[in-house]
């Protein structure tokens, strides 16, 4: 199922890929953690209201797990906030949170 979901994504068959990923992430925490990021990316790419609402549900669920499991999650949260909220203070807070998660280079403070 996972390979099919990625194949559909590569073929730009996003609606079908979303369905496959939804089926996968419904199988348990492991699949949500390993495939949630791709599902979020697809949902945000589609950008329709029901997709954004589902993306918010997934973000909220993933944030209850160990945040270290998905290091790029803050960027997806930022993208979600930028799409759904045009409030500058929300965007600034989301950006600041995302910047804190960037890996540090040696010598950076």
PDB file of N, CA and C in Angstrom:
ATOM      1  N   UNK A   1       0.826  -1.194   0.000  1.00  0.00           N
ATOM      2  CA  UNK A   1       0.000   0.000   0.000  1.00  0.00           C
ATOM      3  C   UNK A   1       0.874   1.262   0.000  1.00  0.00           C
ATOM      4  N   UNK A   2       1.934   1.230   0.802  1.00  0.00           N
ATOM      5  CA  UNK A   2       2.819   2.392   0.890  1.00  0.00           C
ATOM      6  C   UNK A   2       3.486   2.683  -0.453  1.00  0.00           C
ATOM      7  N   UNK A   3       3.984   1.641  -1.115  1.00  0.00           N
ATOM      8  CA  UNK A   3       4.639   1.858  -2.412  1.00  0.00           C
ATOM      9  C   UNK A   3       3.635   2.357  -3.448  1.00  0.00           C
ATOM     10  N   UNK A   4       2.406   1.877  -3.368  1.00  0.00           N
ATOM     11  CA  UNK A   4       1.360   2.353  -4.283  1.00  0.00           C
ATOM     12  C   UNK A   4       1.088   3.841  -4.042  1.00  0.00           C
ATOM     13  N   UNK A   5       1.020   4.244  -2.777  1.00  0.00           N
ATOM     14  CA  UNK A   5       0.754   5.648  -2.447  1.00  0.00           C
ATOM     15  C   UNK A   5       1.848   6.556  -3.021  1.00  0.00           C
ATOM     16  N   UNK A   6       3.102   6.136  -2.871  1.00  0.00           N
ATOM     17  CA  UNK A   6       4.201   6.942  -3.412  1.00  0.00           C
ATOM     18  C   UNK A   6       4.199   6.929  -4.940  1.00  0.00           C
ATOM     19  N   UNK A   7       3.857   5.790  -5.539  1.00  0.00           N
ATOM     20  CA  UNK A   7       3.776   5.710  -7.001  1.00  0.00           C
ATOM     21  C   UNK A   7       2.700   6.658  -7.530  1.00  0.00           C
ATOM     22  N   UNK A   8       1.552   6.676  -6.876  1.00  0.00           N
ATOM     23  CA  UNK A   8       0.478   7.587  -7.289  1.00  0.00           C
ATOM     24  C   UNK A   8       0.918   9.043  -7.158  1.00  0.00           C
ATOM     25  N   UNK A   9       1.667   9.338  -6.112  1.00  0.00           N
ATOM     26  CA  UNK A   9       2.183  10.692  -5.927  1.00  0.00           C
ATOM     27  C   UNK A   9       3.126  11.049  -7.068  1.00  0.00           C
ATOM     28  N   UNK A  10       4.029  10.132  -7.410  1.00  0.00           N
ATOM     29  CA  UNK A  10       4.974  10.378  -8.502  1.00  0.00           C
ATOM     30  C   UNK A  10       4.274  10.553  -9.837  1.00  0.00           C
ATOM     31  N   UNK A  11       3.108   9.926  -9.984  1.00  0.00           N
ATOM     32  CA  UNK A  11       2.325  10.045 -11.218  1.00  0.00           C
ATOM     33  C   UNK A  11       1.394  11.256 -11.183  1.00  0.00           C
ATOM     34  N   UNK A  12       1.504  12.073 -10.145  1.00  0.00           N
ATOM     35  CA  UNK A  12       0.655  13.259  -9.959  1.00  0.00           C
ATOM     36  C   UNK A  12      -0.824  12.915  -9.853  1.00  0.00           C
ATOM     37  N   UNK A  13      -1.116  11.734  -9.349  1.00  0.00           N
ATOM     38  CA  UNK A  13      -2.503  11.320  -9.116  1.00  0.00           C
ATOM     39  C   UNK A  13      -2.787  11.551  -7.629  1.00  0.00           C
ATOM     40  N   UNK A  14      -2.862  12.830  -7.271  1.00  0.00           N
ATOM     41  CA  UNK A  14      -2.855  13.235  -5.870  1.00  0.00           C
ATOM     42  C   UNK A  14      -4.095  12.802  -5.092  1.00  0.00           C
ATOM     43  N   UNK A  15      -5.262  12.876  -5.699  1.00  0.00           N
ATOM     44  CA  UNK A  15      -6.482  12.476  -4.978  1.00  0.00           C
ATOM     45  C   UNK A  15      -6.402  11.004  -4.584  1.00  0.00           C
ATOM     46  N   UNK A  16      -5.941  10.158  -5.502  1.00  0.00           N
ATOM     47  CA  UNK A  16      -5.796   8.731  -5.208  1.00  0.00           C
ATOM     48  C   UNK A  16      -4.682   8.498  -4.183  1.00  0.00           C
ATOM     49  N   UNK A  17      -3.601   9.262  -4.305  1.00  0.00           N
ATOM     50  CA  UNK A  17      -2.493   9.134  -3.353  1.00  0.00           C
ATOM     51  C   UNK A  17      -2.954   9.506  -1.945  1.00  0.00           C
ATOM     52  N   UNK A  18      -3.746  10.566  -1.840  1.00  0.00           N
ATOM     53  CA  UNK A  18      -4.276  10.966  -0.528  1.00  0.00           C
ATOM     54  C   UNK A  18      -5.094   9.836   0.066  1.00  0.00           C
ATOM     55  N   UNK A  19      -5.942   9.209  -0.748  1.00  0.00           N
ATOM     56  CA  UNK A  19      -6.754   8.088  -0.249  1.00  0.00           C
ATOM     57  C   UNK A  19      -5.874   6.957   0.274  1.00  0.00           C
ATOM     58  N   UNK A  20      -4.809   6.626  -0.466  1.00  0.00           N
ATOM     59  CA  UNK A  20      -3.896   5.555  -0.036  1.00  0.00           C
ATOM     60  C   UNK A  20      -3.190   5.924   1.266  1.00  0.00           C
ATOM     61  N   UNK A  21      -2.680   7.144   1.341  1.00  0.00           N
ATOM     62  CA  UNK A  21      -1.997   7.573   2.561  1.00  0.00           C
ATOM     63  C   UNK A  21      -2.961   7.623   3.739  1.00  0.00           C
ATOM     64  N   UNK A  22      -4.201   8.045   3.491  1.00  0.00           N
ATOM     65  CA  UNK A  22      -5.202   8.061   4.569  1.00  0.00           C
ATOM     66  C   UNK A  22      -5.424   6.648   5.099  1.00  0.00           C
ATOM     67  N   UNK A  23      -5.475   5.689   4.185  1.00  0.00           N
ATOM     68  CA  UNK A  23      -5.657   4.296   4.598  1.00  0.00           C
ATOM     69  C   UNK A  23      -4.458   3.822   5.419  1.00  0.00           C
ATOM     70  N   UNK A  24      -3.271   4.205   4.990  1.00  0.00           N
ATOM     71  CA  UNK A  24      -2.054   3.835   5.719  1.00  0.00           C
ATOM     72  C   UNK A  24      -2.019   4.445   7.115  1.00  0.00           C
ATOM     73  N   UNK A  25      -2.257   5.744   7.215  1.00  0.00           N
ATOM     74  CA  UNK A  25      -2.134   6.391   8.520  1.00  0.00           C
ATOM     75  C   UNK A  25      -3.239   5.948   9.468  1.00  0.00           C
ATOM     76  N   UNK A  26      -4.326   5.456   8.926  1.00  0.00           N
ATOM     77  CA  UNK A  26      -5.387   4.911   9.767  1.00  0.00           C
ATOM     78  C   UNK A  26      -5.014   3.585  10.396  1.00  0.00           C
ATOM     79  N   UNK A  27      -3.890   3.007   9.946  1.00  0.00           N
ATOM     80  CA  UNK A  27      -3.451   1.699  10.441  1.00  0.00           C
ATOM     81  C   UNK A  27      -2.704   1.779  11.768  1.00  0.00           C
ATOM     82  N   UNK A  28      -2.422   2.972  12.254  1.00  0.00           N
ATOM     83  CA  UNK A  28      -1.750   3.081  13.551  1.00  0.00           C
ATOM     84  C   UNK A  28      -0.700   4.165  13.592  1.00  0.00           C
ATOM     85  N   UNK A  29      -0.177   4.374  14.799  1.00  0.00           N
ATOM     86  CA  UNK A  29       0.785   5.444  15.062  1.00  0.00           C
ATOM     87  C   UNK A  29       2.023   5.344  14.176  1.00  0.00           C
ATOM     88  N   UNK A  30       2.561   4.140  14.010  1.00  0.00           N
ATOM     89  CA  UNK A  30       3.779   3.985  13.206  1.00  0.00           C
ATOM     90  C   UNK A  30       3.570   4.537  11.799  1.00  0.00           C
ATOM     91  N   UNK A  31       2.448   4.196  11.194  1.00  0.00           N
ATOM     92  CA  UNK A  31       2.197   4.645   9.824  1.00  0.00           C
ATOM     93  C   UNK A  31       1.907   6.139   9.765  1.00  0.00           C
ATOM     94  N   UNK A  32       1.306   6.679  10.814  1.00  0.00           N
ATOM     95  CA  UNK A  32       1.075   8.122  10.848  1.00  0.00           C
ATOM     96  C   UNK A  32       2.402   8.859  10.931  1.00  0.00           C
ATOM     97  N   UNK A  33       3.300   8.357  11.749  1.00  0.00           N
ATOM     98  CA  UNK A  33       4.601   9.010  11.902  1.00  0.00           C
ATOM     99  C   UNK A  33       5.428   8.873  10.627  1.00  0.00           C
ATOM    100  N   UNK A  34       5.428   7.689  10.005  1.00  0.00           N
ATOM    101  CA  UNK A  34       6.278   7.485   8.827  1.00  0.00           C
ATOM    102  C   UNK A  34       5.687   8.070   7.551  1.00  0.00           C
ATOM    103  N   UNK A  35       4.375   8.185   7.464  1.00  0.00           N
ATOM    104  CA  UNK A  35       3.751   8.673   6.231  1.00  0.00           C
ATOM    105  C   UNK A  35       2.961   9.964   6.409  1.00  0.00           C
ATOM    106  N   UNK A  36       2.857  10.426   7.650  1.00  0.00           N
ATOM    107  CA  UNK A  36       2.076  11.630   7.918  1.00  0.00           C
ATOM    108  C   UNK A  36       2.603  12.861   7.217  1.00  0.00           C
ATOM    109  N   UNK A  37       3.920  12.962   7.127  1.00  0.00           N
ATOM    110  CA  UNK A  37       4.515  14.135   6.488  1.00  0.00           C
ATOM    111  C   UNK A  37       4.129  14.207   5.011  1.00  0.00           C
ATOM    112  N   UNK A  38       4.183  13.063   4.323  1.00  0.00           N
ATOM    113  CA  UNK A  38       3.801  13.052   2.907  1.00  0.00           C
ATOM    114  C   UNK A  38       2.316  13.357   2.751  1.00  0.00           C
ATOM    115  N   UNK A  39       1.492  12.777   3.611  1.00  0.00           N
ATOM    116  CA  UNK A  39       0.056  13.045   3.550  1.00  0.00           C
ATOM    117  C   UNK A  39      -0.211  14.532   3.779  1.00  0.00           C
ATOM    118  N   UNK A  40       0.454  15.115   4.766  1.00  0.00           N
ATOM    119  CA  UNK A  40       0.291  16.553   5.013  1.00  0.00           C
ATOM    120  C   UNK A  40       0.684  17.373   3.795  1.00  0.00           C
ATOM    121  N   UNK A  41       1.797  17.022   3.191  1.00  0.00           N
ATOM    122  CA  UNK A  41       2.263  17.745   2.012  1.00  0.00           C
ATOM    123  C   UNK A  41       1.221  17.696   0.902  1.00  0.00           C
ATOM    124  N   UNK A  42       0.668  16.511   0.666  1.00  0.00           N
ATOM    125  CA  UNK A  42      -0.357  16.375  -0.373  1.00  0.00           C
ATOM    126  C   UNK A  42      -1.617  17.162  -0.033  1.00  0.00           C
ATOM    127  N   UNK A  43      -2.049  17.074   1.216  1.00  0.00           N
ATOM    128  CA  UNK A  43      -3.256  17.795   1.625  1.00  0.00           C
ATOM    129  C   UNK A  43      -3.069  19.302   1.477  1.00  0.00           C
ATOM    130  N   UNK A  44      -1.911  19.796   1.904  1.00  0.00           N
ATOM    131  CA  UNK A  44      -1.650  21.229   1.799  1.00  0.00           C
ATOM    132  C   UNK A  44      -1.515  21.657   0.344  1.00  0.00           C
ATOM    133  N   UNK A  45      -0.969  20.795  -0.471  1.00  0.00           N
ATOM    134  CA  UNK A  45      -0.842  21.092  -1.894  1.00  0.00           C
ATOM    135  C   UNK A  45      -2.219  21.234  -2.541  1.00  0.00           C
ATOM    136  N   UNK A  46      -3.162  20.377  -2.133  1.00  0.00           N
ATOM    137  CA  UNK A  46      -4.515  20.436  -2.687  1.00  0.00           C
ATOM    138  C   UNK A  46      -5.210  21.728  -2.262  1.00  0.00           C
ATOM    139  N   UNK A  47      -5.035  22.106  -0.995  1.00  0.00           N
ATOM    140  CA  UNK A  47      -5.469  23.410  -0.525  1.00  0.00           C
ATOM    141  C   UNK A  47      -6.957  23.666  -0.403  1.00  0.00           C
ATOM    142  N   UNK A  48      -7.791  22.670  -0.636  1.00  0.00           N
ATOM    143  CA  UNK A  48      -9.229  22.884  -0.478  1.00  0.00           C
ATOM    144  C   UNK A  48      -9.578  22.804   0.998  1.00  0.00           C
ATOM    145  N   UNK A  49     -10.686  23.416   1.357  1.00  0.00           N
ATOM    146  CA  UNK A  49     -11.058  23.526   2.773  1.00  0.00           C
ATOM    147  C   UNK A  49     -11.029  22.188   3.500  1.00  0.00           C
ATOM    148  N   UNK A  50     -11.629  21.147   2.919  1.00  0.00           N
ATOM    149  CA  UNK A  50     -11.657  19.853   3.613  1.00  0.00           C
ATOM    150  C   UNK A  50     -10.253  19.271   3.757  1.00  0.00           C
ATOM    151  N   UNK A  51      -9.375  19.550   2.808  1.00  0.00           N
ATOM    152  CA  UNK A  51      -7.994  19.076   2.905  1.00  0.00           C
ATOM    153  C   UNK A  51      -7.250  19.823   4.012  1.00  0.00           C
ATOM    154  N   UNK A  52      -7.482  21.125   4.107  1.00  0.00           N
ATOM    155  CA  UNK A  52      -6.818  21.913   5.150  1.00  0.00           C
ATOM    156  C   UNK A  52      -7.318  21.523   6.535  1.00  0.00           C
ATOM    157  N   UNK A  53      -8.606  21.234   6.649  1.00  0.00           N
ATOM    158  CA  UNK A  53      -9.141  20.792   7.942  1.00  0.00           C
ATOM    159  C   UNK A  53      -8.537  19.451   8.347  1.00  0.00           C
ATOM    160  N   UNK A  54      -8.395  18.544   7.387  1.00  0.00           N
ATOM    161  CA  UNK A  54      -7.778  17.243   7.678  1.00  0.00           C
ATOM    162  C   UNK A  54      -6.306  17.432   8.046  1.00  0.00           C
ATOM    163  N   UNK A  55      -5.624  18.332   7.350  1.00  0.00           N
ATOM    164  CA  UNK A  55      -4.219  18.616   7.665  1.00  0.00           C
ATOM    165  C   UNK A  55      -4.088  19.114   9.101  1.00  0.00           C
ATOM    166  N   UNK A  56      -5.006  19.967   9.523  1.00  0.00           N
ATOM    167  CA  UNK A  56      -4.956  20.466  10.899  1.00  0.00           C
ATOM    168  C   UNK A  56      -5.142  19.330  11.900  1.00  0.00           C
ATOM    169  N   UNK A  57      -6.045  18.392  11.623  1.00  0.00           N
ATOM    170  CA  UNK A  57      -6.240  17.231  12.500  1.00  0.00           C
ATOM    171  C   UNK A  57      -4.950  16.426  12.620  1.00  0.00           C
ATOM    172  N   UNK A  58      -4.293  16.203  11.487  1.00  0.00           N
ATOM    173  CA  UNK A  58      -3.055  15.417  11.477  1.00  0.00           C
ATOM    174  C   UNK A  58      -1.954  16.157  12.238  1.00  0.00           C
ATOM    175  N   UNK A  59      -1.828  17.460  12.009  1.00  0.00           N
ATOM    176  CA  UNK A  59      -0.823  18.252  12.723  1.00  0.00           C
ATOM    177  C   UNK A  59      -1.042  18.150  14.224  1.00  0.00           C
ATOM    178  N   UNK A  60      -2.283  18.307  14.648  1.00  0.00           N
ATOM    179  CA  UNK A  60      -2.585  18.228  16.081  1.00  0.00           C
ATOM    180  C   UNK A  60      -2.261  16.848  16.644  1.00  0.00           C
ATOM    181  N   UNK A  61      -2.548  15.793  15.889  1.00  0.00           N
ATOM    182  CA  UNK A  61      -2.241  14.432  16.336  1.00  0.00           C
ATOM    183  C   UNK A  61      -0.733  14.216  16.410  1.00  0.00           C
ATOM    184  N   UNK A  62      -0.019  14.627  15.370  1.00  0.00           N
ATOM    185  CA  UNK A  62       1.431  14.441  15.346  1.00  0.00           C
ATOM    186  C   UNK A  62       2.113  15.211  16.466  1.00  0.00           C
ATOM    187  N   UNK A  63       1.586  16.363  16.816  1.00  0.00           N
ATOM    188  CA  UNK A  63       2.202  17.155  17.881  1.00  0.00           C
ATOM    189  C   UNK A  63       2.052  16.488  19.244  1.00  0.00           C
ATOM    190  N   UNK A  64       1.147  15.532  19.370  1.00  0.00           N
ATOM    191  CA  UNK A  64       1.022  14.801  20.638  1.00  0.00           C
ATOM    192  C   UNK A  64       2.088  13.718  20.753  1.00  0.00           C
ATOM    193  N   UNK A  65       2.726  13.364  19.626  1.00  0.00           N
ATOM    194  CA  UNK A  65       3.804  12.381  19.631  1.00  0.00           C
ATOM    195  C   UNK A  65       5.126  13.103  19.838  1.00  0.00           C
ATOM    196  N   UNK A  66       6.196  12.358  19.851  1.00  0.00           N
ATOM    197  CA  UNK A  66       7.537  12.915  20.003  1.00  0.00           C
ATOM    198  C   UNK A  66       7.853  13.791  18.790  1.00  0.00           C
ATOM    199  N   UNK A  67       8.051  15.084  19.007  1.00  0.00           N
ATOM    200  CA  UNK A  67       8.294  16.001  17.900  1.00  0.00           C
ATOM    201  C   UNK A  67       9.599  15.697  17.169  1.00  0.00           C
ATOM    202  N   UNK A  68      10.530  14.986  17.806  1.00  0.00           N
ATOM    203  CA  UNK A  68      11.796  14.654  17.151  1.00  0.00           C
ATOM    204  C   UNK A  68      11.601  13.660  16.011  1.00  0.00           C
ATOM    205  N   UNK A  69      10.460  12.982  15.999  1.00  0.00           N
ATOM    206  CA  UNK A  69      10.221  11.996  14.946  1.00  0.00           C
ATOM    207  C   UNK A  69      10.029  12.644  13.583  1.00  0.00           C
ATOM    208  N   UNK A  70       9.532  13.858  13.563  1.00  0.00           N
ATOM    209  CA  UNK A  70       9.295  14.562  12.300  1.00  0.00           C
ATOM    210  C   UNK A  70       9.941  15.939  12.348  1.00  0.00           C
ATOM    211  N   UNK A  71      11.237  16.011  12.052  1.00  0.00           N
ATOM    212  CA  UNK A  71      11.930  17.289  12.183  1.00  0.00           C
ATOM    213  C   UNK A  71      11.391  18.382  11.274  1.00  0.00           C
ATOM    214  N   UNK A  72      10.755  18.043  10.144  1.00  0.00           N
ATOM    215  CA  UNK A  72      10.254  19.095   9.254  1.00  0.00           C
ATOM    216  C   UNK A  72       8.818  19.480   9.552  1.00  0.00           C
ATOM    217  N   UNK A  73       8.216  18.859  10.559  1.00  0.00           N
ATOM    218  CA  UNK A  73       6.830  19.188  10.898  1.00  0.00           C
ATOM    219  C   UNK A  73       6.621  20.685  11.127  1.00  0.00           C
ATOM    220  N   UNK A  74       7.508  21.401  11.824  1.00  0.00           N
ATOM    221  CA  UNK A  74       7.266  22.840  12.007  1.00  0.00           C
ATOM    222  C   UNK A  74       7.126  23.595  10.689  1.00  0.00           C
ATOM    223  N   UNK A  75       7.843  23.174   9.654  1.00  0.00           N
ATOM    224  CA  UNK A  75       7.706  23.837   8.358  1.00  0.00           C
ATOM    225  C   UNK A  75       6.335  23.565   7.762  1.00  0.00           C
ATOM    226  N   UNK A  76       5.812  22.360   7.965  1.00  0.00           N
ATOM    227  CA  UNK A  76       4.477  22.057   7.471  1.00  0.00           C
ATOM    228  C   UNK A  76       3.429  22.838   8.250  1.00  0.00           C
ATOM    229  N   UNK A  77       3.648  22.976   9.549  1.00  0.00           N
ATOM    230  CA  UNK A  77       2.733  23.782  10.358  1.00  0.00           C
ATOM    231  C   UNK A  77       2.772  25.232   9.875  1.00  0.00           C
ATOM    232  N   UNK A  78       3.967  25.744   9.622  1.00  0.00           N
ATOM    233  CA  UNK A  78       4.096  27.107   9.115  1.00  0.00           C
ATOM    234  C   UNK A  78       3.350  27.250   7.794  1.00  0.00           C
ATOM    235  N   UNK A  79       3.534  26.311   6.893  1.00  0.00           N
ATOM    236  CA  UNK A  79       2.847  26.362   5.607  1.00  0.00           C
ATOM    237  C   UNK A  79       1.341  26.364   5.808  1.00  0.00           C
ATOM    238  N   UNK A  80       0.870  25.514   6.700  1.00  0.00           N
ATOM    239  CA  UNK A  80      -0.561  25.465   6.994  1.00  0.00           C
ATOM    240  C   UNK A  80      -1.045  26.820   7.509  1.00  0.00           C
ATOM    241  N   UNK A  81      -0.310  27.400   8.432  1.00  0.00           N
ATOM    242  CA  UNK A  81      -0.706  28.696   8.996  1.00  0.00           C
ATOM    243  C   UNK A  81      -0.715  29.786   7.919  1.00  0.00           C
ATOM    244  N   UNK A  82       0.278  29.750   7.057  1.00  0.00           N
ATOM    245  CA  UNK A  82       0.337  30.752   5.994  1.00  0.00           C
ATOM    246  C   UNK A  82      -0.849  30.625   5.044  1.00  0.00           C
ATOM    247  N   UNK A  83      -1.260  29.401   4.775  1.00  0.00           N
ATOM    248  CA  UNK A  83      -2.380  29.179   3.862  1.00  0.00           C
ATOM    249  C   UNK A  83      -3.700  29.586   4.502  1.00  0.00           C
ATOM    250  N   UNK A  84      -3.882  29.247   5.763  1.00  0.00           N
ATOM    251  CA  UNK A  84      -5.197  29.416   6.383  1.00  0.00           C
ATOM    252  C   UNK A  84      -5.368  30.712   7.157  1.00  0.00           C
ATOM    253  N   UNK A  85      -4.286  31.300   7.609  1.00  0.00           N
ATOM    254  CA  UNK A  85      -4.398  32.507   8.434  1.00  0.00           C
ATOM    255  C   UNK A  85      -3.466  33.572   7.876  1.00  0.00           C
ATOM    256  N   UNK A  86      -3.999  34.720   7.672  1.00  0.00           N
ATOM    257  CA  UNK A  86      -3.181  35.803   7.140  1.00  0.00           C
ATOM    258  C   UNK A  86      -2.752  36.767   8.260  1.00  0.00           C
ATOM    259  N   UNK A  87      -2.949  36.366   9.494  1.00  0.00           N
ATOM    260  CA  UNK A  87      -2.615  37.182  10.659  1.00  0.00           C
ATOM    261  C   UNK A  87      -1.094  37.198  10.830  1.00  0.00           C
ATOM    262  N   UNK A  88      -0.506  38.373  10.740  1.00  0.00           N
ATOM    263  CA  UNK A  88       0.953  38.498  10.787  1.00  0.00           C
ATOM    264  C   UNK A  88       1.544  37.962  12.087  1.00  0.00           C
ATOM    265  N   UNK A  89       0.862  38.153  13.214  1.00  0.00           N
ATOM    266  CA  UNK A  89       1.409  37.672  14.484  1.00  0.00           C
ATOM    267  C   UNK A  89       1.459  36.148  14.508  1.00  0.00           C
ATOM    268  N   UNK A  90       0.449  35.485  13.937  1.00  0.00           N
ATOM    269  CA  UNK A  90       0.446  34.019  13.869  1.00  0.00           C
ATOM    270  C   UNK A  90       1.598  33.544  12.994  1.00  0.00           C
ATOM    271  N   UNK A  91       1.789  34.209  11.875  1.00  0.00           N
ATOM    272  CA  UNK A  91       2.862  33.840  10.950  1.00  0.00           C
ATOM    273  C   UNK A  91       4.220  34.028  11.625  1.00  0.00           C
ATOM    274  N   UNK A  92       4.404  35.143  12.339  1.00  0.00           N
ATOM    275  CA  UNK A  92       5.686  35.403  13.009  1.00  0.00           C
ATOM    276  C   UNK A  92       5.987  34.367  14.078  1.00  0.00           C
ATOM    277  N   UNK A  93       4.991  33.986  14.863  1.00  0.00           N
ATOM    278  CA  UNK A  93       5.190  32.970  15.899  1.00  0.00           C
ATOM    279  C   UNK A  93       5.521  31.630  15.254  1.00  0.00           C
ATOM    280  N   UNK A  94       4.780  31.254  14.205  1.00  0.00           N
ATOM    281  CA  UNK A  94       5.037  29.986  13.522  1.00  0.00           C
ATOM    282  C   UNK A  94       6.438  29.975  12.922  1.00  0.00           C
ATOM    283  N   UNK A  95       6.844  31.084  12.318  1.00  0.00           N
ATOM    284  CA  UNK A  95       8.178  31.170  11.731  1.00  0.00           C
ATOM    285  C   UNK A  95       9.253  31.070  12.808  1.00  0.00           C
ATOM    286  N   UNK A  96       9.070  31.754  13.926  1.00  0.00           N
ATOM    287  CA  UNK A  96      10.047  31.688  15.026  1.00  0.00           C
ATOM    288  C   UNK A  96      10.163  30.265  15.558  1.00  0.00           C
ATOM    289  N   UNK A  97       9.035  29.584  15.715  1.00  0.00           N
ATOM    290  CA  UNK A  97       9.062  28.193  16.184  1.00  0.00           C
ATOM    291  C   UNK A  97       9.779  27.295  15.189  1.00  0.00           C
ATOM    292  N   UNK A  98       9.520  27.498  13.911  1.00  0.00           N
ATOM    293  CA  UNK A  98      10.167  26.682  12.887  1.00  0.00           C
ATOM    294  C   UNK A  98      11.669  26.938  12.858  1.00  0.00           C
ATOM    295  N   UNK A  99      12.083  28.192  12.996  1.00  0.00           N
ATOM    296  CA  UNK A  99      13.506  28.531  12.954  1.00  0.00           C
ATOM    297  C   UNK A  99      14.265  27.879  14.107  1.00  0.00           C
ATOM    298  N   UNK A 100      13.616  27.738  15.263  1.00  0.00           N
ATOM    299  CA  UNK A 100      14.279  27.107  16.409  1.00  0.00           C
ATOM    300  C   UNK A 100      14.577  25.639  16.151  1.00  0.00           C
ATOM    301  N   UNK A 101      13.879  25.013  15.220  1.00  0.00           N
ATOM    302  CA  UNK A 101      14.084  23.586  14.977  1.00  0.00           C
ATOM    303  C   UNK A 101      15.146  23.310  13.925  1.00  0.00           C
ATOM    304  N   UNK A 102      15.648  24.356  13.274  1.00  0.00           N
ATOM    305  CA  UNK A 102      16.677  24.140  12.259  1.00  0.00           C
ATOM    306  C   UNK A 102      17.932  23.569  12.899  1.00  0.00           C
ATOM    307  N   UNK A 103      18.583  22.623  12.219  1.00  0.00           N
ATOM    308  CA  UNK A 103      19.850  22.108  12.751  1.00  0.00           C
ATOM    309  C   UNK A 103      20.886  23.233  12.783  1.00  0.00           C
ATOM    310  N   UNK A 104      21.655  23.262  13.805  1.00  0.00           N
ATOM    311  CA  UNK A 104      22.684  24.299  13.966  1.00  0.00           C
ATOM    312  C   UNK A 104      23.987  23.836  13.322  1.00  0.00           C
ATOM    313  N   UNK A 105      24.637  24.778  12.673  1.00  0.00           N
ATOM    314  CA  UNK A 105      25.964  24.493  12.135  1.00  0.00           C
ATOM    315  C   UNK A 105      26.992  24.759  13.220  1.00  0.00           C
ATOM    316  N   UNK A 106      28.113  24.063  13.184  1.00  0.00           N
ATOM    317  CA  UNK A 106      29.166  24.344  14.178  1.00  0.00           C
ATOM    318  C   UNK A 106      29.550  25.821  14.115  1.00  0.00           C
ATOM    319  N   UNK A 107      29.639  26.450  15.262  1.00  0.00           N
ATOM    320  CA  UNK A 107      30.004  27.857  15.317  1.00  0.00           C
ATOM    321  C   UNK A 107      28.825  28.802  15.374  1.00  0.00           C
ATOM    322  N   UNK A 108      27.610  28.325  15.049  1.00  0.00           N
ATOM    323  CA  UNK A 108      26.415  29.170  15.154  1.00  0.00           C
ATOM    324  C   UNK A 108      26.017  29.312  16.606  1.00  0.00           C
ATOM    325  N   UNK A 109      25.443  30.434  16.944  1.00  0.00           N
ATOM    326  CA  UNK A 109      24.956  30.651  18.315  1.00  0.00           C
ATOM    327  C   UNK A 109      23.468  30.659  18.329  1.00  0.00           C
TER     328      UNK A 109
END
